[in-house]
Amino acid sequence: MAETVLEVSGLRRTYGAARAVDDVSFTLAAGGALGVVGESGSGKTTTARIIVGLERADSGTVTVGGHQRTGRPVGRAARLRWAREVQMVFQDPYLSLDPRISVGGALAETLRLHFPGADHRTRIAELLDQVGLGGREASALPHQLSGGQRQRVTIARALAVQPAVLVLDEAVAALDVSVQAQILNLLGDLRAELGVGYLFITHDLGVVRTVTDDVVVMRQGRVVEAGPTDRVLAEPEHPYTRLLLESVPRPGWDPRRIAEARRALG
């Protein structure tokens, strides 16, 4: 069996009286791809933010490569180690990049922070080549790039620190369908080349079907179904998973039937 690179156990997070994450547990194999799927409000993004360290859980544990990420890291070295373990790619690449800094400058800034005292020019060229960009893009500012190019830059920046896990939070949702396909193909190639584990946070079952090995379905903060992607999407066991699949528009699709099924679930 593949080694486990990420283990999430019993995560809980509440905001006032609302429980956003309720006893969530799952694992990600080293070099694997796990989808966490659910509608808005399902708790999937809060779970991702806890894993990365942007939010704290009320209880439960997150373990990456055998290191338990409990509390907050103390000291600069510990904070940098946390960041190198798990990186995140967000939905809107433009908001993730400083509009005043060139692509090459952004990569150099990250490399200097984590690997000081080295000449990073060769590494910057390598990272850009890995994501299908080159010297022309290295000198460009974010506004001079397309949406797909900007997302390639954020992926390159995340990979610069050689993370064990890459969390992709709706990372292709803002892109045109054809560009989505290019980015997903790129991510598949990078996973095969680098062995990084992917955690896809998404509402898009098409993305899940295309790029993940396993899937976790969340509803109202809880995991309602989990298993190999092919099995869960072909033979869903939970009514909510079936509802998500039936909600995908296709010939003969009837939104009234979907609304009735949603009311029945409560």
Protein backbone atom coordinates (compact mmCIF):
# COMPACT_ATOMS: atom_id res chain seq x y z
CA MET A 1 0.00 0.00 0.00
CA ALA A 2 1.14 3.58 -0.72
CA GLU A 3 2.54 5.58 2.16
CA THR A 4 0.15 8.10 3.71
CA VAL A 5 1.39 11.67 3.32
CA LEU A 6 -1.63 13.45 4.84
CA GLU A 7 -3.89 12.21 7.62
CA VAL A 8 -6.84 14.27 8.84
CA SER A 9 -8.52 12.90 11.96
CA GLY A 10 -11.63 14.12 13.76
CA LEU A 11 -11.47 17.77 12.68
CA ARG A 12 -14.07 20.06 14.19
CA ARG A 13 -14.53 23.80 13.73
CA THR A 14 -17.42 25.94 14.92
CA TYR A 15 -18.33 29.58 14.38
CA GLY A 16 -20.69 30.59 17.15
CA ALA A 17 -23.51 28.06 17.05
CA ALA A 18 -22.71 26.90 13.52
CA ARG A 19 -20.53 23.81 13.11
CA ALA A 20 -18.64 24.28 9.86
CA VAL A 21 -16.53 21.10 10.16
CA ASP A 22 -17.86 18.17 12.14
CA ASP A 23 -15.63 15.14 12.81
CA VAL A 24 -13.95 15.10 9.39
CA SER A 25 -11.37 12.38 8.74
CA PHE A 26 -9.57 11.17 5.62
CA THR A 27 -6.13 10.26 4.30
CA LEU A 28 -4.12 11.10 1.20
CA ALA A 29 -1.51 8.72 -0.19
CA ALA A 30 1.91 10.04 -1.15
CA GLY A 31 1.67 11.09 -4.79
CA GLY A 32 -2.10 10.52 -4.74
CA ALA A 33 -4.98 12.78 -5.70
CA LEU A 34 -7.98 13.14 -3.40
CA GLY A 35 -11.06 15.19 -4.20
CA VAL A 36 -13.10 16.85 -1.46
CA VAL A 37 -16.43 17.71 -3.03
CA GLY A 38 -19.56 19.45 -1.84
CA GLU A 39 -21.71 22.51 -2.39
CA SER A 40 -21.09 25.93 -0.86
CA GLY A 41 -21.35 25.65 2.92
CA SER A 42 -20.37 21.99 3.00
CA GLY A 43 -17.21 22.73 5.01
CA LYS A 44 -14.71 21.73 2.36
CA THR A 45 -12.87 25.06 2.16
CA THR A 46 -12.73 25.43 5.95
CA THR A 47 -11.21 21.95 6.09
CA ALA A 48 -8.61 22.96 3.51
CA ARG A 49 -7.73 26.15 5.39
CA ILE A 50 -7.21 24.16 8.59
CA ILE A 51 -4.91 21.72 6.77
CA VAL A 52 -2.82 24.55 5.35
CA GLY A 53 -2.72 26.38 8.68
CA LEU A 54 -4.79 29.42 7.78
CA GLU A 55 -7.37 28.46 10.42
CA ARG A 56 -7.27 26.48 13.64
CA ALA A 57 -9.46 23.50 14.43
CA ASP A 58 -11.35 23.32 17.70
CA SER A 59 -10.29 19.68 17.92
CA GLY A 60 -8.80 16.93 15.78
CA THR A 61 -5.41 16.52 14.16
CA VAL A 62 -3.65 17.08 10.85
CA THR A 63 -0.52 15.03 10.20
CA VAL A 64 1.73 15.62 7.18
CA GLY A 65 4.62 13.27 6.49
CA GLY A 66 4.50 12.03 10.06
CA HIS A 67 4.57 15.56 11.55
CA GLN A 68 1.46 16.52 13.50
CA ARG A 69 0.44 20.12 12.80
CA THR A 70 -0.97 20.96 16.23
CA GLY A 71 -1.53 24.53 17.41
CA ARG A 72 0.57 27.14 15.68
CA PRO A 73 4.24 26.79 14.73
CA VAL A 74 6.57 28.64 17.09
CA GLY A 75 9.48 30.48 15.53
CA ARG A 76 10.45 31.34 11.98
CA ALA A 77 12.05 27.99 11.18
CA ALA A 78 8.92 26.08 12.25
CA ARG A 79 6.65 28.39 10.24
CA LEU A 80 8.75 27.90 7.13
CA ARG A 81 8.76 24.12 7.61
CA TRP A 82 4.95 24.16 7.82
CA ALA A 83 4.77 26.17 4.63
CA ARG A 84 7.09 23.77 2.82
CA GLU A 85 4.99 20.76 3.85
CA VAL A 86 1.70 22.04 2.40
CA GLN A 87 1.09 24.71 -0.23
CA MET A 88 -2.23 26.06 -1.49
CA VAL A 89 -3.39 27.27 -4.91
CA PHE A 90 -6.47 29.50 -4.75
CA GLN A 91 -9.32 30.07 -7.19
CA ASP A 92 -8.32 33.58 -8.31
CA PRO A 93 -4.64 33.71 -9.30
CA TYR A 94 -4.70 37.48 -9.75
CA LEU A 95 -5.48 38.00 -6.07
CA SER A 96 -2.64 35.62 -5.15
CA LEU A 97 0.03 37.65 -6.96
CA ASP A 98 1.48 41.06 -6.17
CA PRO A 99 0.60 43.24 -9.18
CA ARG A 100 3.85 45.20 -8.77
CA ILE A 101 6.20 42.20 -8.92
CA SER A 102 7.15 40.31 -12.08
CA VAL A 103 6.69 36.56 -12.39
CA GLY A 104 10.41 35.94 -12.01
CA GLY A 105 10.52 38.30 -9.04
CA ALA A 106 7.67 36.47 -7.30
CA LEU A 107 9.43 33.13 -7.69
CA ALA A 108 12.74 34.61 -6.57
CA GLU A 109 11.08 36.08 -3.47
CA THR A 110 9.71 32.66 -2.47
CA LEU A 111 13.00 30.89 -3.11
CA ARG A 112 15.02 33.47 -1.16
CA LEU A 113 12.67 33.10 1.81
CA HIS A 114 12.93 29.31 1.98
CA PHE A 115 16.39 28.70 0.51
CA PRO A 116 18.51 31.77 1.31
CA GLY A 117 22.06 32.27 0.13
CA ALA A 118 21.73 30.54 -3.25
CA ASP A 119 21.60 31.73 -6.84
CA HIS A 120 18.05 30.90 -7.88
CA ARG A 121 18.14 31.80 -11.58
CA THR A 122 18.43 28.20 -12.76
CA ARG A 123 15.65 27.07 -10.41
CA ILE A 124 13.33 29.86 -11.62
CA ALA A 125 13.85 28.82 -15.24
CA GLU A 126 13.20 25.18 -14.29
CA LEU A 127 9.97 26.03 -12.47
CA LEU A 128 8.68 28.11 -15.37
CA ASP A 129 9.51 25.34 -17.81
CA GLN A 130 7.66 22.79 -15.64
CA VAL A 131 4.44 24.82 -15.90
CA GLY A 132 4.80 25.62 -19.60
CA LEU A 133 6.09 29.20 -19.30
CA GLY A 134 9.38 30.80 -20.31
CA GLY A 135 11.61 33.86 -20.19
CA ARG A 136 9.01 36.15 -21.73
CA GLU A 137 6.56 35.42 -18.93
CA ALA A 138 9.32 35.70 -16.31
CA SER A 139 9.64 39.42 -16.97
CA ALA A 140 5.87 40.05 -17.18
CA LEU A 141 3.66 41.57 -14.51
CA PRO A 142 0.51 39.63 -13.53
CA HIS A 143 -1.85 41.93 -15.46
CA GLN A 144 0.10 41.20 -18.65
CA LEU A 145 -0.75 37.50 -18.47
CA SER A 146 -3.90 35.53 -19.22
CA GLY A 147 -5.87 33.86 -16.43
CA GLY A 148 -4.44 30.47 -17.34
CA GLN A 149 -0.89 31.83 -17.37
CA ARG A 150 -1.38 33.44 -13.97
CA GLN A 151 -2.61 30.16 -12.53
CA ARG A 152 0.46 28.44 -13.96
CA VAL A 153 2.58 31.01 -12.10
CA THR A 154 0.84 30.33 -8.78
CA ILE A 155 1.35 26.60 -9.30
CA ALA A 156 5.05 27.19 -10.03
CA ARG A 157 5.38 29.32 -6.89
CA ALA A 158 3.69 26.64 -4.78
CA LEU A 159 5.97 23.94 -6.19
CA ALA A 160 9.07 26.06 -5.61
CA VAL A 161 9.30 24.89 -1.98
CA GLN A 162 8.88 21.22 -2.95
CA PRO A 163 5.74 20.55 -0.86
CA ALA A 164 4.53 17.08 0.04
CA VAL A 165 0.92 18.20 -0.45
CA LEU A 166 -0.61 20.73 -2.83
CA VAL A 167 -4.10 21.92 -1.88
CA LEU A 168 -6.05 23.23 -4.88
CA ASP A 169 -9.10 25.21 -3.74
CA GLU A 170 -11.40 25.52 -6.79
CA ALA A 171 -8.17 26.16 -8.70
CA VAL A 172 -9.72 25.94 -12.18
CA ALA A 173 -13.22 27.24 -11.40
CA ALA A 174 -12.50 30.78 -12.69
CA LEU A 175 -11.01 29.59 -16.00
CA ASP A 176 -12.60 28.93 -19.38
CA VAL A 177 -13.36 25.27 -20.06
CA SER A 178 -10.53 24.87 -22.59
CA VAL A 179 -8.04 26.49 -20.19
CA GLN A 180 -9.34 24.31 -17.35
CA ALA A 181 -8.44 21.24 -19.39
CA GLN A 182 -4.93 22.56 -20.02
CA ILE A 183 -4.32 23.24 -16.32
CA LEU A 184 -5.71 19.85 -15.28
CA ASN A 185 -3.48 18.12 -17.82
CA LEU A 186 -0.53 20.11 -16.50
CA LEU A 187 -1.32 19.08 -12.93
CA GLY A 188 -1.51 15.44 -13.99
CA ASP A 189 1.90 15.67 -15.66
CA LEU A 190 3.43 17.38 -12.62
CA ARG A 191 2.06 14.76 -10.24
CA ALA A 192 3.63 11.99 -12.32
CA GLU A 193 6.93 13.88 -12.53
CA LEU A 194 7.25 15.16 -8.96
CA GLY A 195 5.23 12.73 -6.84
CA VAL A 196 3.42 15.52 -5.02
CA GLY A 197 0.07 14.68 -3.41
CA TYR A 198 -2.98 16.68 -4.52
CA LEU A 199 -5.99 17.66 -2.44
CA PHE A 200 -8.65 19.05 -4.79
CA ILE A 201 -11.33 21.17 -3.09
CA THR A 202 -14.13 21.53 -5.62
CA HIS A 203 -17.82 21.50 -6.37
CA ASP A 204 -17.13 20.27 -9.92
CA LEU A 205 -17.64 16.54 -10.35
CA GLY A 206 -16.06 16.76 -13.78
CA VAL A 207 -12.78 17.82 -12.17
CA VAL A 208 -13.09 15.03 -9.61
CA ARG A 209 -13.75 12.43 -12.29
CA THR A 210 -10.81 13.62 -14.40
CA VAL A 211 -7.97 14.00 -11.93
CA THR A 212 -8.60 12.21 -8.62
CA ASP A 213 -8.03 8.66 -7.40
CA ASP A 214 -10.33 8.95 -4.39
CA VAL A 215 -13.09 11.29 -3.31
CA VAL A 216 -14.65 12.53 -0.08
CA VAL A 217 -18.18 13.94 -0.24
CA MET A 218 -19.04 16.58 2.38
CA ARG A 219 -22.44 17.94 3.42
CA GLN A 220 -23.15 20.36 6.25
CA GLY A 221 -19.67 19.93 7.66
CA ARG A 222 -19.63 16.12 7.69
CA VAL A 223 -18.24 13.42 5.42
CA VAL A 224 -21.24 11.52 4.04
CA GLU A 225 -19.41 9.26 1.59
CA ALA A 226 -15.84 8.38 0.67
CA GLY A 227 -14.04 5.90 -1.53
CA PRO A 228 -12.37 5.38 -4.91
CA THR A 229 -13.58 8.02 -7.36
CA ASP A 230 -14.72 5.55 -10.02
CA ARG A 231 -16.82 3.62 -7.51
CA VAL A 232 -18.37 6.61 -5.76
CA LEU A 233 -19.37 8.33 -9.01
CA ALA A 234 -20.61 5.13 -10.67
CA GLU A 235 -22.41 3.63 -7.66
CA PRO A 236 -23.07 6.37 -5.09
CA GLU A 237 -24.44 5.08 -1.81
CA HIS A 238 -25.54 8.31 -0.10
CA PRO A 239 -28.60 10.25 -1.33
CA TYR A 240 -26.61 13.50 -1.27
CA THR A 241 -23.94 12.08 -3.58
CA ARG A 242 -26.68 10.94 -5.95
CA LEU A 243 -28.17 14.45 -5.79
CA LEU A 244 -24.84 16.03 -6.73
CA LEU A 245 -24.54 13.71 -9.72
CA GLU A 246 -28.12 14.36 -10.79
CA SER A 247 -27.55 18.12 -10.52
CA VAL A 248 -25.08 18.10 -13.43
CA PRO A 249 -26.97 19.48 -16.49
CA ARG A 250 -27.38 17.01 -19.37
CA PRO A 251 -30.01 16.11 -21.98
CA GLY A 252 -33.36 15.57 -20.27
CA TRP A 253 -32.18 17.28 -17.08
CA ASP A 254 -35.09 18.55 -14.96
CA PRO A 255 -34.18 21.17 -12.32
CA ARG A 256 -37.59 20.73 -10.65
CA ARG A 257 -36.77 17.12 -9.84
CA ILE A 258 -33.46 18.25 -8.33
CA ALA A 259 -35.21 20.83 -6.16
CA GLU A 260 -37.63 18.18 -4.89
CA ALA A 261 -34.76 15.82 -4.04
CA ARG A 262 -32.97 18.62 -2.19
CA ARG A 263 -36.05 19.38 -0.10
CA ALA A 264 -36.39 15.72 0.76
CA LEU A 265 -32.81 15.66 2.09
CA GLY A 266 -33.55 18.65 4.34
